[in-house]
Amino acid sequence: MRKLILVFMLLLCVPRINAQIEIAKLIGKRWNDYKLGYGAFLKFSYPVSTASDLSIEASLVFFSVKENDGDGLAVVPFKLGYRYTLNGTGSGIYIEPQLGYNFFGANSFDGEHPYKGAVIALGTGYLFKPGGRVQFDLGLRYETVVIKDGSANYIALRLSHNFSFKKREEDN
């Protein structure tokens, strides 16, 4: 119960919540039998400067098999990240490395091996100038989930709708 209260208190202190969707493609010979994947995310971020944010992200990405609609691969990673806008303004082109862990993953072809392991991601994109307390983000990301027998690698195109509860500090 204490951990749950601590998590809620932490989330209340975070000034930004990002709701995201993405379209992803598994890459590598091992993954040719899968269709495009779809994902949804919640990212909680805290600005550490005008140009950068620290973040915690929880996501779900699902890839279905081309031949059978009921089968597929699902991953549920949790990641910590750092996003830096290259022009230093908090909008424009950015880079975003992330590290985390995939706590739950399943492949209906290979149910014996749960897809749990380290997650490494590198993203880039464009943060549009905020319109009030809303800011859109269009990004491209490469992510890998390192598992026992190799890795699941994918490239994703994401669209994010950032809700801000606090303005960035102005550097004057």
C-alpha atoms as a PDB file:
ATOM      1  CA  MET A   1       0.000   0.000   0.000  1.00  0.00           C
ATOM      2  CA  ARG A   2       2.876   2.373   0.809  1.00  0.00           C
ATOM      3  CA  LYS A   3       4.390   1.835  -2.640  1.00  0.00           C
ATOM      4  CA  LEU A   4       1.077   2.659  -4.313  1.00  0.00           C
ATOM      5  CA  ILE A   5       0.729   5.882  -2.299  1.00  0.00           C
ATOM      6  CA  LEU A   6       4.338   6.812  -3.142  1.00  0.00           C
ATOM      7  CA  VAL A   7       3.698   6.254  -6.877  1.00  0.00           C
ATOM      8  CA  PHE A   8       0.558   8.432  -6.812  1.00  0.00           C
ATOM      9  CA  MET A   9       2.403  11.201  -4.922  1.00  0.00           C
ATOM     10  CA  LEU A  10       5.218  11.076  -7.477  1.00  0.00           C
ATOM     11  CA  LEU A  11       2.756  11.309 -10.370  1.00  0.00           C
ATOM     12  CA  LEU A  12       1.037  14.311  -8.811  1.00  0.00           C
ATOM     13  CA  CYS A  13       4.398  16.130  -8.654  1.00  0.00           C
ATOM     14  CA  VAL A  14       5.111  15.546 -12.351  1.00  0.00           C
ATOM     15  CA  PRO A  15       4.137  18.593 -14.400  1.00  0.00           C
ATOM     16  CA  ARG A  16       3.745  16.789 -17.772  1.00  0.00           C
ATOM     17  CA  ILE A  17       1.787  13.785 -18.952  1.00  0.00           C
ATOM     18  CA  ASN A  18       2.191  12.570 -22.543  1.00  0.00           C
ATOM     19  CA  ALA A  19      -0.447  10.352 -24.141  1.00  0.00           C
ATOM     20  CA  GLN A  20       1.020   8.597 -27.152  1.00  0.00           C
ATOM     21  CA  ILE A  21       0.201   6.193 -29.936  1.00  0.00           C
ATOM     22  CA  GLU A  22       2.578   4.528 -32.344  1.00  0.00           C
ATOM     23  CA  ILE A  23       2.846   2.287 -35.368  1.00  0.00           C
ATOM     24  CA  ALA A  24       5.825  -0.083 -35.216  1.00  0.00           C
ATOM     25  CA  LYS A  25       7.594  -2.612 -37.436  1.00  0.00           C
ATOM     26  CA  LEU A  26       9.610  -5.532 -36.083  1.00  0.00           C
ATOM     27  CA  ILE A  27      12.936  -5.784 -37.889  1.00  0.00           C
ATOM     28  CA  GLY A  28      15.194  -8.773 -38.513  1.00  0.00           C
ATOM     29  CA  LYS A  29      14.742 -12.129 -40.280  1.00  0.00           C
ATOM     30  CA  ARG A  30      13.229 -13.731 -37.200  1.00  0.00           C
ATOM     31  CA  TRP A  31      10.257 -11.327 -37.282  1.00  0.00           C
ATOM     32  CA  ASN A  32       9.176 -11.475 -40.960  1.00  0.00           C
ATOM     33  CA  ASP A  33       5.891 -13.248 -40.105  1.00  0.00           C
ATOM     34  CA  TYR A  34       4.494 -10.266 -38.157  1.00  0.00           C
ATOM     35  CA  LYS A  35       2.269  -7.394 -39.308  1.00  0.00           C
ATOM     36  CA  LEU A  36       2.763  -3.778 -38.317  1.00  0.00           C
ATOM     37  CA  GLY A  37       2.445  -3.325 -34.580  1.00  0.00           C
ATOM     38  CA  TYR A  38       0.435  -0.796 -32.604  1.00  0.00           C
ATOM     39  CA  GLY A  39       1.175   0.718 -29.244  1.00  0.00           C
ATOM     40  CA  ALA A  40      -0.067   3.109 -26.601  1.00  0.00           C
ATOM     41  CA  PHE A  41       1.960   4.937 -23.957  1.00  0.00           C
ATOM     42  CA  LEU A  42       1.807   7.143 -20.937  1.00  0.00           C
ATOM     43  CA  LYS A  43       4.896   9.202 -20.245  1.00  0.00           C
ATOM     44  CA  PHE A  44       5.350  11.322 -17.135  1.00  0.00           C
ATOM     45  CA  SER A  45       8.068  13.940 -17.520  1.00  0.00           C
ATOM     46  CA  TYR A  46       9.704  16.615 -15.474  1.00  0.00           C
ATOM     47  CA  PRO A  47      11.601  19.533 -17.081  1.00  0.00           C
ATOM     48  CA  VAL A  48      15.146  19.849 -15.734  1.00  0.00           C
ATOM     49  CA  SER A  49      15.969  22.832 -17.949  1.00  0.00           C
ATOM     50  CA  THR A  50      14.390  24.791 -20.796  1.00  0.00           C
ATOM     51  CA  ALA A  51      15.843  22.287 -23.275  1.00  0.00           C
ATOM     52  CA  SER A  52      15.446  18.948 -21.469  1.00  0.00           C
ATOM     53  CA  ASP A  53      13.115  16.593 -19.595  1.00  0.00           C
ATOM     54  CA  LEU A  54      13.551  13.475 -17.484  1.00  0.00           C
ATOM     55  CA  SER A  55      10.778  10.913 -17.967  1.00  0.00           C
ATOM     56  CA  ILE A  56       9.177   7.672 -16.824  1.00  0.00           C
ATOM     57  CA  GLU A  57       7.241   5.799 -19.516  1.00  0.00           C
ATOM     58  CA  ALA A  58       4.896   2.790 -19.391  1.00  0.00           C
ATOM     59  CA  SER A  59       3.787   1.278 -22.678  1.00  0.00           C
ATOM     60  CA  LEU A  60       2.109  -1.611 -24.462  1.00  0.00           C
ATOM     61  CA  VAL A  61       3.036  -2.666 -28.007  1.00  0.00           C
ATOM     62  CA  PHE A  62       1.359  -5.548 -29.871  1.00  0.00           C
ATOM     63  CA  PHE A  63       2.391  -7.202 -33.144  1.00  0.00           C
ATOM     64  CA  SER A  64      -0.002  -9.725 -34.700  1.00  0.00           C
ATOM     65  CA  VAL A  65       1.071 -12.615 -36.918  1.00  0.00           C
ATOM     66  CA  LYS A  66       0.327 -12.258 -40.654  1.00  0.00           C
ATOM     67  CA  GLU A  67      -1.213 -15.723 -41.019  1.00  0.00           C
ATOM     68  CA  ASN A  68      -3.289 -15.867 -37.820  1.00  0.00           C
ATOM     69  CA  ASP A  69      -5.021 -12.827 -36.332  1.00  0.00           C
ATOM     70  CA  GLY A  70      -5.226 -14.310 -32.823  1.00  0.00           C
ATOM     71  CA  ASP A  71      -1.483 -14.861 -32.415  1.00  0.00           C
ATOM     72  CA  GLY A  72       1.231 -12.312 -31.890  1.00  0.00           C
ATOM     73  CA  LEU A  73       3.902 -10.712 -29.764  1.00  0.00           C
ATOM     74  CA  ALA A  74       3.158  -8.283 -26.938  1.00  0.00           C
ATOM     75  CA  VAL A  75       5.637  -6.278 -24.872  1.00  0.00           C
ATOM     76  CA  VAL A  76       5.026  -4.036 -21.844  1.00  0.00           C
ATOM     77  CA  PRO A  77       8.212  -2.057 -21.129  1.00  0.00           C
ATOM     78  CA  PHE A  78       8.841   0.547 -18.429  1.00  0.00           C
ATOM     79  CA  LYS A  79      11.579   3.054 -19.270  1.00  0.00           C
ATOM     80  CA  LEU A  80      13.453   6.037 -17.893  1.00  0.00           C
ATOM     81  CA  GLY A  81      14.451   8.649 -20.437  1.00  0.00           C
ATOM     82  CA  TYR A  82      16.089  11.971 -21.128  1.00  0.00           C
ATOM     83  CA  ARG A  83      14.823  14.203 -23.946  1.00  0.00           C
ATOM     84  CA  TYR A  84      16.970  17.095 -25.159  1.00  0.00           C
ATOM     85  CA  THR A  85      15.878  19.686 -27.743  1.00  0.00           C
ATOM     86  CA  LEU A  86      18.819  20.589 -29.949  1.00  0.00           C
ATOM     87  CA  ASN A  87      18.005  24.295 -30.240  1.00  0.00           C
ATOM     88  CA  GLY A  88      17.675  24.667 -26.450  1.00  0.00           C
ATOM     89  CA  THR A  89      14.118  26.073 -26.498  1.00  0.00           C
ATOM     90  CA  GLY A  90      12.005  23.085 -25.413  1.00  0.00           C
ATOM     91  CA  SER A  91      10.523  22.715 -28.892  1.00  0.00           C
ATOM     92  CA  GLY A  92      11.968  21.726 -32.260  1.00  0.00           C
ATOM     93  CA  ILE A  93      14.161  18.723 -33.083  1.00  0.00           C
ATOM     94  CA  TYR A  94      15.088  16.504 -30.120  1.00  0.00           C
ATOM     95  CA  ILE A  95      16.952  13.324 -29.224  1.00  0.00           C
ATOM     96  CA  GLU A  96      15.760  10.942 -26.521  1.00  0.00           C
ATOM     97  CA  PRO A  97      17.694   7.946 -25.184  1.00  0.00           C
ATOM     98  CA  GLN A  98      15.766   5.582 -22.871  1.00  0.00           C
ATOM     99  CA  LEU A  99      16.672   2.586 -20.689  1.00  0.00           C
ATOM    100  CA  GLY A 100      14.301   0.238 -18.934  1.00  0.00           C
ATOM    101  CA  TYR A 101      12.962  -3.247 -18.422  1.00  0.00           C
ATOM    102  CA  ASN A 102      10.259  -5.278 -20.133  1.00  0.00           C
ATOM    103  CA  PHE A 103       8.350  -6.735 -17.170  1.00  0.00           C
ATOM    104  CA  PHE A 104       5.809  -8.592 -19.267  1.00  0.00           C
ATOM    105  CA  GLY A 105       6.022  -9.943 -22.767  1.00  0.00           C
ATOM    106  CA  ALA A 106       4.483 -12.880 -24.552  1.00  0.00           C
ATOM    107  CA  ASN A 107       4.835 -14.519 -27.931  1.00  0.00           C
ATOM    108  CA  SER A 108       1.999 -16.860 -28.853  1.00  0.00           C
ATOM    109  CA  PHE A 109       4.379 -18.814 -31.141  1.00  0.00           C
ATOM    110  CA  ASP A 110       6.798 -19.458 -28.301  1.00  0.00           C
ATOM    111  CA  GLY A 111       4.871 -19.370 -25.012  1.00  0.00           C
ATOM    112  CA  GLU A 112       7.648 -21.162 -23.123  1.00  0.00           C
ATOM    113  CA  HIS A 113       9.960 -18.139 -23.147  1.00  0.00           C
ATOM    114  CA  PRO A 114       8.546 -15.012 -21.543  1.00  0.00           C
ATOM    115  CA  TYR A 115       9.879 -11.820 -23.115  1.00  0.00           C
ATOM    116  CA  LYS A 116      11.392 -10.217 -20.042  1.00  0.00           C
ATOM    117  CA  GLY A 117      14.613  -8.284 -20.239  1.00  0.00           C
ATOM    118  CA  ALA A 118      16.428  -4.996 -20.605  1.00  0.00           C
ATOM    119  CA  VAL A 119      15.022  -2.369 -22.970  1.00  0.00           C
ATOM    120  CA  ILE A 120      17.192   0.096 -24.860  1.00  0.00           C
ATOM    121  CA  ALA A 121      15.625   2.810 -27.025  1.00  0.00           C
ATOM    122  CA  LEU A 122      16.820   5.815 -28.977  1.00  0.00           C
ATOM    123  CA  GLY A 123      14.395   8.308 -30.408  1.00  0.00           C
ATOM    124  CA  THR A 124      14.370  11.527 -32.329  1.00  0.00           C
ATOM    125  CA  GLY A 125      11.549  13.771 -33.375  1.00  0.00           C
ATOM    126  CA  TYR A 126      10.033  17.198 -33.505  1.00  0.00           C
ATOM    127  CA  LEU A 127       8.249  18.944 -30.608  1.00  0.00           C
ATOM    128  CA  PHE A 128       5.848  21.525 -31.961  1.00  0.00           C
ATOM    129  CA  LYS A 129       5.523  24.843 -30.139  1.00  0.00           C
ATOM    130  CA  PRO A 130       2.941  24.568 -27.353  1.00  0.00           C
ATOM    131  CA  GLY A 131      -0.573  25.835 -27.978  1.00  0.00           C
ATOM    132  CA  GLY A 132      -1.561  26.804 -24.442  1.00  0.00           C
ATOM    133  CA  ARG A 133      -0.965  23.764 -22.241  1.00  0.00           C
ATOM    134  CA  VAL A 134      -0.933  21.275 -25.157  1.00  0.00           C
ATOM    135  CA  GLN A 135       2.114  20.344 -27.233  1.00  0.00           C
ATOM    136  CA  PHE A 136       2.283  17.819 -30.088  1.00  0.00           C
ATOM    137  CA  ASP A 137       5.272  15.559 -30.669  1.00  0.00           C
ATOM    138  CA  LEU A 138       6.035  13.565 -33.828  1.00  0.00           C
ATOM    139  CA  GLY A 139       8.868  11.090 -33.367  1.00  0.00           C
ATOM    140  CA  LEU A 140      10.778   8.115 -34.732  1.00  0.00           C
ATOM    141  CA  ARG A 141      12.220   5.562 -32.329  1.00  0.00           C
ATOM    142  CA  TYR A 142      14.351   2.404 -32.445  1.00  0.00           C
ATOM    143  CA  GLU A 143      13.822   0.020 -29.540  1.00  0.00           C
ATOM    144  CA  THR A 144      15.216  -3.356 -28.588  1.00  0.00           C
ATOM    145  CA  VAL A 145      14.037  -5.757 -25.885  1.00  0.00           C
ATOM    146  CA  VAL A 146      16.965  -7.994 -24.925  1.00  0.00           C
ATOM    147  CA  ILE A 147      15.674 -11.487 -24.136  1.00  0.00           C
ATOM    148  CA  LYS A 148      17.168 -14.890 -23.335  1.00  0.00           C
ATOM    149  CA  ASP A 149      17.375 -16.120 -26.945  1.00  0.00           C
ATOM    150  CA  GLY A 150      18.249 -12.825 -28.670  1.00  0.00           C
ATOM    151  CA  SER A 151      16.230  -9.654 -28.972  1.00  0.00           C
ATOM    152  CA  ALA A 152      13.046  -8.179 -30.378  1.00  0.00           C
ATOM    153  CA  ASN A 153      13.943  -5.031 -32.339  1.00  0.00           C
ATOM    154  CA  TYR A 154      11.526  -2.556 -33.832  1.00  0.00           C
ATOM    155  CA  ILE A 155      11.286   0.880 -35.365  1.00  0.00           C
ATOM    156  CA  ALA A 156       8.277   3.004 -34.457  1.00  0.00           C
ATOM    157  CA  LEU A 157       6.608   6.181 -35.651  1.00  0.00           C
ATOM    158  CA  ARG A 158       4.887   7.916 -32.768  1.00  0.00           C
ATOM    159  CA  LEU A 159       2.479  10.747 -32.291  1.00  0.00           C
ATOM    160  CA  SER A 160       2.213  12.253 -28.844  1.00  0.00           C
ATOM    161  CA  HIS A 161      -0.123  14.761 -27.255  1.00  0.00           C
ATOM    162  CA  ASN A 162       1.652  16.382 -24.315  1.00  0.00           C
ATOM    163  CA  PHE A 163      -0.394  17.872 -21.489  1.00  0.00           C
ATOM    164  CA  SER A 164       1.536  20.378 -19.377  1.00  0.00           C
ATOM    165  CA  PHE A 165       0.559  21.378 -15.858  1.00  0.00           C
ATOM    166  CA  LYS A 166       3.494  23.769 -15.375  1.00  0.00           C
ATOM    167  CA  LYS A 167       5.292  26.123 -17.754  1.00  0.00           C
ATOM    168  CA  ARG A 168       8.990  25.600 -18.434  1.00  0.00           C
ATOM    169  CA  GLU A 169      11.256  27.897 -16.495  1.00  0.00           C
ATOM    170  CA  GLU A 170      12.397  30.784 -18.663  1.00  0.00           C
ATOM    171  CA  ASP A 171      16.171  31.288 -18.879  1.00  0.00           C
ATOM    172  CA  ASN A 172      16.715  35.056 -18.833  1.00  0.00           C
END
